[in-house]
Structure formats: structure tokens, C-alpha cells
Amino acid sequence: DTLIETIPQLVWIARPDGLHEYVNQRWCDYTGFTLEQIQSDRWAPLQFIHPDDREDRQARWQHTLDTGAIYEIECRLRNGNTGSYRWFLARAEPSRDKTGQIVRWVGTTTDIEDQKRIEDALRQSQERADALMKSKIIGIFVGEGEQIVDANDTFLRMLGYPREELRTG
């Protein structure tokens, strides 16, 4: 119990039917709710999920409950104190008895906001680089040492080389 309270994840345990039976203090601090407030309805945690993520989250959780499959989803959770949303990765695995029956779900929810921001910045950077490469105004090439490994059509036209010649080096 002490270990669960010290790790940086939101930790929760649910019954086989998906109803929460435990949440750690970090979960309560983040959501602003107590375990007692969500114990009567397995869909109560949906209120913390960003509206755009709720349908997918609900469908995946229902699929997990129906099939016993491992649960994993990225979604935005609302901070109960600030009202702001952050990206989290939620995972749950079934804990089974000797007969293979699920006796509970053990879940963690990890803040991945920084990772998502980095991914978004990389995606935007790649989109800008792709736009430049497609530019018809400016010639662009990518070199490794003395070798040109890629170039846009404008650059190739400026030098009078066909793309096939670029491919063959």
C-alpha cells in the first residue's frame, strides 16, 4: 500500500464488472473525487475524460470487460482542481484466480503530457520540412557527407538531374 501511494501514477483497482474498489491518493488529488463518489457507477470516471475521448474510452473499457483483454488507451483527463486537461496513458491488466476467472482489474494511469507535446512538435517540424521539400520556389536537398540523399524537384530541375540519377547516387 505504501509503494502504491509513492509511485507517480494514478493507480486504481476495479472489480470484474469494472466498478472501482480502490484508487490511490494521487488519483483522488488529481480528480478531486473520492473513491466513494465513483463506487456506485462504473462509468463515473468518464466525467474526468475529455469529451472528445469519452466514446472511445467507454468502448475500449467495455471491450476489455467483455473479452478480458489488456486495456490500454491514451486520453485526456481533467484535473479536478484546475479544470485543465492533460494526456494520460491508462492501462489495466486482469488479475485472475486459479481457474482463470478475473477477480479484479489492476490499472495505472500515467501522465504523458510532455511526451505528447514533444510528439506534436516533431510532427509539426516534419510537416514544415515536408512542405519545404515540396516547394516549387526554392531548391532543397538533404546531404550526408558528400552524398545528396534527397532533393526536391525544384533542386533537381535547377541542376538538370533526373530523380533516377539521385536514387542511383
N, C-alpha and C. Protein backbone atom coordinates (compact mmCIF):
# COMPACT_ATOMS: atom_id res chain seq x y z
N ASP A 1 0.83 -1.19 0.00
CA ASP A 1 0.00 0.00 0.00
C ASP A 1 0.88 1.26 0.00
N THR A 2 1.97 1.25 0.76
CA THR A 2 2.88 2.40 0.80
C THR A 2 3.52 2.61 -0.56
N LEU A 3 3.91 1.54 -1.23
CA LEU A 3 4.51 1.64 -2.55
C LEU A 3 3.54 2.28 -3.54
N ILE A 4 2.30 1.85 -3.53
CA ILE A 4 1.30 2.38 -4.45
C ILE A 4 1.10 3.87 -4.23
N GLU A 5 1.19 4.31 -3.00
CA GLU A 5 0.98 5.73 -2.70
C GLU A 5 2.18 6.60 -3.08
N THR A 6 3.34 5.99 -3.32
CA THR A 6 4.53 6.79 -3.62
C THR A 6 4.88 6.85 -5.10
N ILE A 7 4.32 5.96 -5.92
CA ILE A 7 4.65 5.99 -7.34
C ILE A 7 3.92 7.15 -8.01
N PRO A 8 4.46 7.66 -9.13
CA PRO A 8 3.88 8.85 -9.75
C PRO A 8 2.61 8.61 -10.57
N GLN A 9 2.13 7.39 -10.67
CA GLN A 9 0.93 7.10 -11.44
C GLN A 9 -0.32 7.22 -10.59
N LEU A 10 -1.42 7.39 -11.31
CA LEU A 10 -2.73 7.25 -10.68
C LEU A 10 -3.01 5.75 -10.72
N VAL A 11 -3.28 5.15 -9.59
CA VAL A 11 -3.47 3.70 -9.51
C VAL A 11 -4.90 3.42 -9.09
N TRP A 12 -5.46 2.39 -9.70
CA TRP A 12 -6.83 2.02 -9.37
C TRP A 12 -7.02 0.52 -9.52
N ILE A 13 -7.98 0.02 -8.79
CA ILE A 13 -8.35 -1.39 -8.86
C ILE A 13 -9.86 -1.44 -9.04
N ALA A 14 -10.29 -2.27 -9.99
CA ALA A 14 -11.72 -2.41 -10.26
C ALA A 14 -12.12 -3.87 -10.13
N ARG A 15 -13.37 -4.08 -9.80
CA ARG A 15 -13.93 -5.42 -9.74
C ARG A 15 -14.05 -5.98 -11.16
N PRO A 16 -14.37 -7.26 -11.30
CA PRO A 16 -14.52 -7.85 -12.63
C PRO A 16 -15.54 -7.12 -13.51
N ASP A 17 -16.56 -6.52 -12.89
CA ASP A 17 -17.58 -5.79 -13.66
C ASP A 17 -17.17 -4.36 -14.00
N GLY A 18 -15.96 -3.95 -13.57
CA GLY A 18 -15.46 -2.62 -13.90
C GLY A 18 -15.69 -1.56 -12.85
N LEU A 19 -16.39 -1.89 -11.79
CA LEU A 19 -16.66 -0.92 -10.73
C LEU A 19 -15.41 -0.75 -9.86
N HIS A 20 -15.00 0.48 -9.65
CA HIS A 20 -13.79 0.74 -8.87
C HIS A 20 -13.96 0.31 -7.42
N GLU A 21 -12.93 -0.35 -6.89
CA GLU A 21 -12.93 -0.70 -5.47
C GLU A 21 -11.76 -0.06 -4.73
N TYR A 22 -10.83 0.57 -5.50
CA TYR A 22 -9.69 1.26 -4.88
C TYR A 22 -9.14 2.28 -5.86
N VAL A 23 -8.76 3.43 -5.34
CA VAL A 23 -7.96 4.41 -6.07
C VAL A 23 -6.94 4.96 -5.08
N ASN A 24 -5.72 5.24 -5.58
CA ASN A 24 -4.73 5.78 -4.65
C ASN A 24 -4.96 7.27 -4.40
N GLN A 25 -4.23 7.80 -3.45
CA GLN A 25 -4.41 9.20 -3.07
C GLN A 25 -4.08 10.14 -4.23
N ARG A 26 -3.10 9.80 -5.03
CA ARG A 26 -2.74 10.63 -6.18
C ARG A 26 -3.93 10.75 -7.14
N TRP A 27 -4.68 9.66 -7.32
CA TRP A 27 -5.87 9.68 -8.16
C TRP A 27 -6.89 10.65 -7.58
N CYS A 28 -7.12 10.56 -6.28
CA CYS A 28 -8.07 11.46 -5.61
C CYS A 28 -7.62 12.91 -5.71
N ASP A 29 -6.31 13.14 -5.49
CA ASP A 29 -5.79 14.50 -5.57
C ASP A 29 -5.96 15.09 -6.96
N TYR A 30 -5.72 14.28 -7.99
CA TYR A 30 -5.81 14.79 -9.36
C TYR A 30 -7.27 15.05 -9.76
N THR A 31 -8.15 14.09 -9.51
CA THR A 31 -9.54 14.22 -9.96
C THR A 31 -10.38 15.09 -9.04
N GLY A 32 -9.98 15.17 -7.76
CA GLY A 32 -10.79 15.92 -6.80
C GLY A 32 -11.95 15.11 -6.26
N PHE A 33 -12.01 13.82 -6.60
CA PHE A 33 -13.10 12.96 -6.14
C PHE A 33 -12.55 11.90 -5.18
N THR A 34 -13.43 11.35 -4.40
CA THR A 34 -13.07 10.25 -3.51
C THR A 34 -13.55 8.94 -4.13
N LEU A 35 -13.03 7.86 -3.62
CA LEU A 35 -13.46 6.55 -4.09
C LEU A 35 -14.97 6.38 -3.91
N GLU A 36 -15.47 6.81 -2.79
CA GLU A 36 -16.89 6.65 -2.50
C GLU A 36 -17.76 7.34 -3.55
N GLN A 37 -17.27 8.43 -4.12
CA GLN A 37 -18.05 9.17 -5.10
C GLN A 37 -18.15 8.45 -6.45
N ILE A 38 -17.27 7.50 -6.73
CA ILE A 38 -17.33 6.80 -8.02
C ILE A 38 -17.67 5.33 -7.89
N GLN A 39 -17.84 4.84 -6.67
CA GLN A 39 -18.05 3.40 -6.47
C GLN A 39 -19.41 2.90 -6.93
N SER A 40 -20.37 3.74 -7.11
CA SER A 40 -21.71 3.26 -7.44
C SER A 40 -21.97 3.13 -8.94
N ASP A 41 -21.06 3.66 -9.77
CA ASP A 41 -21.29 3.65 -11.21
C ASP A 41 -19.96 3.44 -11.94
N ARG A 42 -19.85 2.32 -12.70
CA ARG A 42 -18.57 2.04 -13.36
C ARG A 42 -18.23 3.06 -14.43
N TRP A 43 -19.22 3.84 -14.89
CA TRP A 43 -18.96 4.86 -15.91
C TRP A 43 -18.71 6.24 -15.29
N ALA A 44 -18.73 6.35 -13.97
CA ALA A 44 -18.50 7.63 -13.31
C ALA A 44 -17.16 8.27 -13.70
N PRO A 45 -16.07 7.49 -13.86
CA PRO A 45 -14.81 8.12 -14.25
C PRO A 45 -14.85 8.82 -15.62
N LEU A 46 -15.88 8.54 -16.43
CA LEU A 46 -15.98 9.21 -17.72
C LEU A 46 -16.07 10.73 -17.57
N GLN A 47 -16.57 11.19 -16.44
CA GLN A 47 -16.69 12.64 -16.25
C GLN A 47 -15.33 13.33 -16.20
N PHE A 48 -14.25 12.57 -15.96
CA PHE A 48 -12.91 13.15 -15.92
C PHE A 48 -12.23 13.10 -17.29
N ILE A 49 -12.84 12.36 -18.22
CA ILE A 49 -12.28 12.18 -19.56
C ILE A 49 -12.71 13.35 -20.44
N HIS A 50 -11.80 13.82 -21.28
CA HIS A 50 -12.14 14.88 -22.23
C HIS A 50 -13.32 14.41 -23.08
N PRO A 51 -14.29 15.30 -23.34
CA PRO A 51 -15.48 14.89 -24.11
C PRO A 51 -15.15 14.22 -25.45
N ASP A 52 -14.09 14.65 -26.11
CA ASP A 52 -13.72 14.04 -27.41
C ASP A 52 -13.16 12.63 -27.26
N ASP A 53 -12.76 12.25 -26.05
CA ASP A 53 -12.15 10.94 -25.82
C ASP A 53 -13.10 9.94 -25.15
N ARG A 54 -14.25 10.40 -24.71
CA ARG A 54 -15.15 9.56 -23.90
C ARG A 54 -15.68 8.34 -24.63
N GLU A 55 -16.15 8.54 -25.85
CA GLU A 55 -16.77 7.42 -26.58
C GLU A 55 -15.76 6.29 -26.82
N ASP A 56 -14.56 6.65 -27.24
CA ASP A 56 -13.52 5.64 -27.49
C ASP A 56 -13.14 4.96 -26.18
N ARG A 57 -12.97 5.74 -25.13
CA ARG A 57 -12.60 5.18 -23.83
C ARG A 57 -13.67 4.21 -23.34
N GLN A 58 -14.93 4.59 -23.45
CA GLN A 58 -16.02 3.75 -22.99
C GLN A 58 -16.08 2.45 -23.81
N ALA A 59 -15.92 2.56 -25.12
CA ALA A 59 -15.97 1.37 -25.99
C ALA A 59 -14.81 0.43 -25.67
N ARG A 60 -13.62 0.98 -25.48
CA ARG A 60 -12.46 0.13 -25.19
C ARG A 60 -12.59 -0.55 -23.83
N TRP A 61 -13.07 0.18 -22.82
CA TRP A 61 -13.23 -0.40 -21.49
C TRP A 61 -14.29 -1.51 -21.55
N GLN A 62 -15.38 -1.28 -22.27
CA GLN A 62 -16.41 -2.31 -22.39
C GLN A 62 -15.85 -3.53 -23.11
N HIS A 63 -15.06 -3.33 -24.16
CA HIS A 63 -14.43 -4.44 -24.87
C HIS A 63 -13.52 -5.23 -23.92
N THR A 64 -12.76 -4.51 -23.11
CA THR A 64 -11.87 -5.15 -22.14
C THR A 64 -12.66 -5.98 -21.15
N LEU A 65 -13.74 -5.42 -20.63
CA LEU A 65 -14.58 -6.15 -19.67
C LEU A 65 -15.21 -7.38 -20.33
N ASP A 66 -15.61 -7.24 -21.58
CA ASP A 66 -16.27 -8.35 -22.29
C ASP A 66 -15.29 -9.47 -22.66
N THR A 67 -14.04 -9.11 -22.97
CA THR A 67 -13.10 -10.11 -23.51
C THR A 67 -12.00 -10.51 -22.54
N GLY A 68 -11.75 -9.70 -21.51
CA GLY A 68 -10.64 -9.98 -20.60
C GLY A 68 -9.30 -9.54 -21.16
N ALA A 69 -9.32 -8.81 -22.26
CA ALA A 69 -8.09 -8.34 -22.89
C ALA A 69 -7.45 -7.24 -22.05
N ILE A 70 -6.16 -7.06 -22.21
CA ILE A 70 -5.46 -5.97 -21.55
C ILE A 70 -6.00 -4.65 -22.09
N TYR A 71 -6.18 -3.70 -21.20
CA TYR A 71 -6.74 -2.39 -21.54
C TYR A 71 -5.61 -1.39 -21.67
N GLU A 72 -5.65 -0.60 -22.76
CA GLU A 72 -4.66 0.47 -22.93
C GLU A 72 -5.26 1.55 -23.81
N ILE A 73 -5.16 2.79 -23.34
CA ILE A 73 -5.69 3.92 -24.11
C ILE A 73 -4.98 5.20 -23.70
N GLU A 74 -4.78 6.07 -24.68
CA GLU A 74 -4.30 7.41 -24.40
C GLU A 74 -5.52 8.32 -24.43
N CYS A 75 -5.68 9.12 -23.39
CA CYS A 75 -6.82 10.04 -23.34
C CYS A 75 -6.46 11.22 -22.44
N ARG A 76 -7.26 12.25 -22.55
CA ARG A 76 -7.04 13.45 -21.73
C ARG A 76 -7.94 13.40 -20.50
N LEU A 77 -7.32 13.67 -19.36
CA LEU A 77 -8.06 13.68 -18.09
C LEU A 77 -8.08 15.09 -17.52
N ARG A 78 -9.23 15.44 -16.97
CA ARG A 78 -9.40 16.77 -16.37
C ARG A 78 -8.89 16.77 -14.93
N ASN A 79 -8.10 17.78 -14.63
CA ASN A 79 -7.66 17.99 -13.26
C ASN A 79 -8.83 18.61 -12.50
N GLY A 80 -9.25 17.96 -11.43
CA GLY A 80 -10.40 18.42 -10.67
C GLY A 80 -10.21 19.77 -10.01
N ASN A 81 -8.96 20.16 -9.77
CA ASN A 81 -8.69 21.43 -9.11
C ASN A 81 -8.60 22.60 -10.09
N THR A 82 -7.99 22.36 -11.26
CA THR A 82 -7.76 23.45 -12.21
C THR A 82 -8.72 23.43 -13.39
N GLY A 83 -9.32 22.28 -13.68
CA GLY A 83 -10.20 22.15 -14.83
C GLY A 83 -9.46 21.93 -16.13
N SER A 84 -8.13 21.94 -16.09
CA SER A 84 -7.34 21.74 -17.30
C SER A 84 -7.19 20.25 -17.59
N TYR A 85 -6.93 19.96 -18.85
CA TYR A 85 -6.76 18.56 -19.28
C TYR A 85 -5.29 18.28 -19.57
N ARG A 86 -4.88 17.05 -19.26
CA ARG A 86 -3.54 16.57 -19.59
C ARG A 86 -3.71 15.19 -20.20
N TRP A 87 -2.75 14.82 -21.06
CA TRP A 87 -2.75 13.50 -21.68
C TRP A 87 -2.23 12.45 -20.70
N PHE A 88 -2.90 11.32 -20.66
CA PHE A 88 -2.51 10.19 -19.82
C PHE A 88 -2.58 8.91 -20.64
N LEU A 89 -1.78 7.94 -20.24
CA LEU A 89 -1.84 6.59 -20.77
C LEU A 89 -2.43 5.72 -19.68
N ALA A 90 -3.60 5.17 -19.93
CA ALA A 90 -4.25 4.30 -18.96
C ALA A 90 -4.07 2.85 -19.40
N ARG A 91 -3.71 2.02 -18.44
CA ARG A 91 -3.52 0.59 -18.70
C ARG A 91 -4.15 -0.20 -17.56
N ALA A 92 -4.68 -1.35 -17.90
CA ALA A 92 -5.21 -2.25 -16.87
C ALA A 92 -4.99 -3.69 -17.32
N GLU A 93 -4.65 -4.51 -16.37
CA GLU A 93 -4.49 -5.94 -16.62
C GLU A 93 -5.39 -6.70 -15.66
N PRO A 94 -5.91 -7.82 -16.14
CA PRO A 94 -6.76 -8.62 -15.26
C PRO A 94 -5.91 -9.43 -14.28
N SER A 95 -6.40 -9.52 -13.07
CA SER A 95 -5.82 -10.43 -12.08
C SER A 95 -6.79 -11.61 -12.02
N ARG A 96 -6.26 -12.81 -12.22
CA ARG A 96 -7.12 -13.99 -12.33
C ARG A 96 -6.88 -14.97 -11.18
N ASP A 97 -7.91 -15.73 -10.87
CA ASP A 97 -7.75 -16.79 -9.87
C ASP A 97 -7.21 -18.05 -10.56
N LYS A 98 -7.10 -19.13 -9.81
CA LYS A 98 -6.52 -20.37 -10.34
C LYS A 98 -7.34 -20.97 -11.49
N THR A 99 -8.62 -20.66 -11.54
CA THR A 99 -9.47 -21.19 -12.61
C THR A 99 -9.47 -20.31 -13.86
N GLY A 100 -8.77 -19.17 -13.77
CA GLY A 100 -8.70 -18.25 -14.91
C GLY A 100 -9.75 -17.16 -14.89
N GLN A 101 -10.59 -17.18 -13.87
CA GLN A 101 -11.62 -16.14 -13.75
C GLN A 101 -10.98 -14.83 -13.29
N ILE A 102 -11.44 -13.74 -13.87
CA ILE A 102 -10.95 -12.42 -13.47
C ILE A 102 -11.54 -12.08 -12.11
N VAL A 103 -10.65 -11.74 -11.18
CA VAL A 103 -11.11 -11.37 -9.84
C VAL A 103 -11.02 -9.86 -9.62
N ARG A 104 -10.19 -9.19 -10.43
CA ARG A 104 -10.09 -7.73 -10.35
C ARG A 104 -9.26 -7.24 -11.52
N TRP A 105 -9.35 -5.95 -11.76
CA TRP A 105 -8.53 -5.25 -12.74
C TRP A 105 -7.59 -4.33 -11.99
N VAL A 106 -6.31 -4.39 -12.32
CA VAL A 106 -5.33 -3.50 -11.70
C VAL A 106 -4.88 -2.52 -12.78
N GLY A 107 -5.09 -1.24 -12.49
CA GLY A 107 -4.82 -0.23 -13.50
C GLY A 107 -3.89 0.86 -13.03
N THR A 108 -3.16 1.41 -14.00
CA THR A 108 -2.34 2.59 -13.76
C THR A 108 -2.66 3.61 -14.84
N THR A 109 -2.54 4.85 -14.48
CA THR A 109 -2.76 5.94 -15.41
C THR A 109 -1.56 6.87 -15.28
N THR A 110 -0.78 7.00 -16.36
CA THR A 110 0.49 7.71 -16.34
C THR A 110 0.39 8.99 -17.16
N ASP A 111 0.85 10.08 -16.58
CA ASP A 111 0.86 11.38 -17.27
C ASP A 111 1.86 11.32 -18.42
N ILE A 112 1.38 11.55 -19.65
CA ILE A 112 2.24 11.55 -20.83
C ILE A 112 2.16 12.89 -21.57
N GLU A 113 1.74 13.92 -20.87
CA GLU A 113 1.56 15.25 -21.49
C GLU A 113 2.85 15.73 -22.16
N ASP A 114 3.98 15.63 -21.48
CA ASP A 114 5.25 16.09 -22.06
C ASP A 114 5.59 15.30 -23.32
N GLN A 115 5.40 14.00 -23.27
CA GLN A 115 5.66 13.15 -24.43
C GLN A 115 4.77 13.55 -25.60
N LYS A 116 3.49 13.81 -25.35
CA LYS A 116 2.56 14.21 -26.41
C LYS A 116 2.97 15.55 -27.01
N ARG A 117 3.44 16.48 -26.18
CA ARG A 117 3.88 17.79 -26.68
C ARG A 117 5.11 17.63 -27.58
N ILE A 118 6.03 16.78 -27.18
CA ILE A 118 7.23 16.53 -27.99
C ILE A 118 6.83 15.89 -29.32
N GLU A 119 5.94 14.89 -29.27
CA GLU A 119 5.46 14.25 -30.49
C GLU A 119 4.80 15.25 -31.42
N ASP A 120 4.00 16.15 -30.85
CA ASP A 120 3.31 17.16 -31.65
C ASP A 120 4.32 18.12 -32.28
N ALA A 121 5.32 18.54 -31.50
CA ALA A 121 6.35 19.44 -32.04
C ALA A 121 7.12 18.75 -33.17
N LEU A 122 7.44 17.48 -33.00
CA LEU A 122 8.14 16.73 -34.05
C LEU A 122 7.28 16.59 -35.30
N ARG A 123 6.00 16.32 -35.10
CA ARG A 123 5.08 16.19 -36.23
C ARG A 123 4.99 17.52 -37.00
N GLN A 124 4.87 18.63 -36.26
CA GLN A 124 4.81 19.94 -36.91
C GLN A 124 6.10 20.25 -37.65
N SER A 125 7.23 19.91 -37.04
CA SER A 125 8.52 20.13 -37.68
C SER A 125 8.62 19.31 -38.97
N GLN A 126 8.17 18.07 -38.91
CA GLN A 126 8.19 17.20 -40.09
C GLN A 126 7.29 17.75 -41.19
N GLU A 127 6.12 18.26 -40.80
CA GLU A 127 5.20 18.85 -41.78
C GLU A 127 5.84 20.06 -42.45
N ARG A 128 6.55 20.90 -41.68
CA ARG A 128 7.23 22.06 -42.26
C ARG A 128 8.33 21.61 -43.21
N ALA A 129 9.10 20.60 -42.80
CA ALA A 129 10.16 20.09 -43.66
C ALA A 129 9.58 19.50 -44.95
N ASP A 130 8.46 18.77 -44.81
CA ASP A 130 7.81 18.20 -45.99
C ASP A 130 7.32 19.30 -46.92
N ALA A 131 6.76 20.37 -46.35
CA ALA A 131 6.27 21.49 -47.16
C ALA A 131 7.43 22.15 -47.91
N LEU A 132 8.56 22.30 -47.23
CA LEU A 132 9.73 22.87 -47.90
C LEU A 132 10.20 21.98 -49.04
N MET A 133 10.23 20.67 -48.80
CA MET A 133 10.69 19.74 -49.82
C MET A 133 9.77 19.77 -51.05
N LYS A 134 8.50 20.07 -50.84
CA LYS A 134 7.54 20.12 -51.95
C LYS A 134 7.51 21.50 -52.61
N SER A 135 8.29 22.42 -52.08
CA SER A 135 8.30 23.79 -52.59
C SER A 135 8.70 23.84 -54.06
N LYS A 136 8.00 24.66 -54.80
CA LYS A 136 8.33 24.86 -56.21
C LYS A 136 9.14 26.15 -56.38
N ILE A 137 9.36 26.88 -55.31
CA ILE A 137 10.05 28.17 -55.37
C ILE A 137 11.53 28.03 -55.04
N ILE A 138 11.82 27.14 -54.13
CA ILE A 138 13.20 27.03 -53.64
C ILE A 138 13.69 25.60 -53.78
N GLY A 139 14.94 25.46 -54.15
CA GLY A 139 15.54 24.13 -54.26
C GLY A 139 16.09 23.69 -52.92
N ILE A 140 15.75 22.50 -52.52
CA ILE A 140 16.16 21.96 -51.22
C ILE A 140 16.79 20.58 -51.45
N PHE A 141 17.87 20.31 -50.72
CA PHE A 141 18.44 18.97 -50.75
C PHE A 141 18.86 18.57 -49.35
N VAL A 142 18.97 17.26 -49.16
CA VAL A 142 19.43 16.69 -47.89
C VAL A 142 20.71 15.94 -48.22
N GLY A 143 21.77 16.28 -47.51
CA GLY A 143 23.04 15.63 -47.75
C GLY A 143 23.55 14.88 -46.54
N GLU A 144 24.28 13.82 -46.80
CA GLU A 144 25.00 13.08 -45.77
C GLU A 144 26.45 12.99 -46.24
N GLY A 145 27.30 13.77 -45.60
CA GLY A 145 28.69 13.84 -46.05
C GLY A 145 28.73 14.50 -47.42
N GLU A 146 29.33 13.84 -48.38
CA GLU A 146 29.44 14.37 -49.75
C GLU A 146 28.27 13.92 -50.63
N GLN A 147 27.40 13.08 -50.10
CA GLN A 147 26.32 12.47 -50.87
C GLN A 147 25.02 13.25 -50.70
N ILE A 148 24.32 13.51 -51.79
CA ILE A 148 22.96 14.06 -51.74
C ILE A 148 22.03 12.87 -51.65
N VAL A 149 21.28 12.79 -50.55
CA VAL A 149 20.42 11.62 -50.34
C VAL A 149 18.96 11.90 -50.71
N ASP A 150 18.58 13.18 -50.74
CA ASP A 150 17.23 13.53 -51.16
C ASP A 150 17.24 14.97 -51.63
N ALA A 151 16.32 15.29 -52.50
CA ALA A 151 16.20 16.65 -53.02
C ALA A 151 14.80 16.83 -53.56
N ASN A 152 14.33 18.06 -53.52
CA ASN A 152 13.02 18.30 -54.12
C ASN A 152 13.17 18.46 -55.63
N ASP A 153 12.04 18.44 -56.32
CA ASP A 153 12.05 18.52 -57.78
C ASP A 153 12.66 19.83 -58.27
N THR A 154 12.44 20.92 -57.54
CA THR A 154 12.98 22.22 -57.93
C THR A 154 14.51 22.18 -57.93
N PHE A 155 15.10 21.58 -56.90
CA PHE A 155 16.56 21.48 -56.83
C PHE A 155 17.09 20.64 -58.00
N LEU A 156 16.45 19.53 -58.26
CA LEU A 156 16.88 18.65 -59.35
C LEU A 156 16.76 19.36 -60.70
N ARG A 157 15.68 20.11 -60.88
CA ARG A 157 15.48 20.87 -62.12
C ARG A 157 16.57 21.94 -62.28
N MET A 158 16.93 22.60 -61.15
CA MET A 158 17.96 23.64 -61.20
C MET A 158 19.30 23.06 -61.66
N LEU A 159 19.59 21.83 -61.22
CA LEU A 159 20.86 21.20 -61.59
C LEU A 159 20.77 20.39 -62.88
N GLY A 160 19.55 20.15 -63.33
CA GLY A 160 19.38 19.39 -64.55
C GLY A 160 19.54 17.89 -64.38
N TYR A 161 19.27 17.38 -63.18
CA TYR A 161 19.38 15.95 -62.92
C TYR A 161 17.99 15.33 -62.76
N PRO A 162 17.79 14.14 -63.33
CA PRO A 162 16.52 13.44 -63.09
C PRO A 162 16.56 12.75 -61.71
N ARG A 163 15.40 12.49 -61.15
CA ARG A 163 15.31 11.85 -59.83
C ARG A 163 15.99 10.48 -59.85
N GLU A 164 15.88 9.76 -60.93
CA GLU A 164 16.50 8.44 -61.04
C GLU A 164 18.01 8.52 -60.80
N GLU A 165 18.64 9.56 -61.28
CA GLU A 165 20.07 9.71 -61.09
C GLU A 165 20.40 9.96 -59.60
N LEU A 166 19.50 10.66 -58.93
CA LEU A 166 19.67 10.88 -57.48
C LEU A 166 19.58 9.55 -56.76
N ARG A 167 18.65 8.70 -57.14
CA ARG A 167 18.47 7.39 -56.50
C ARG A 167 19.69 6.49 -56.67
N THR A 168 20.32 6.59 -57.82
CA THR A 168 21.47 5.72 -58.07
C THR A 168 22.78 6.30 -57.52
N GLY A 169 22.67 7.52 -56.99
CA GLY A 169 23.85 8.12 -56.37
C GLY A 169 24.67 8.91 -57.34
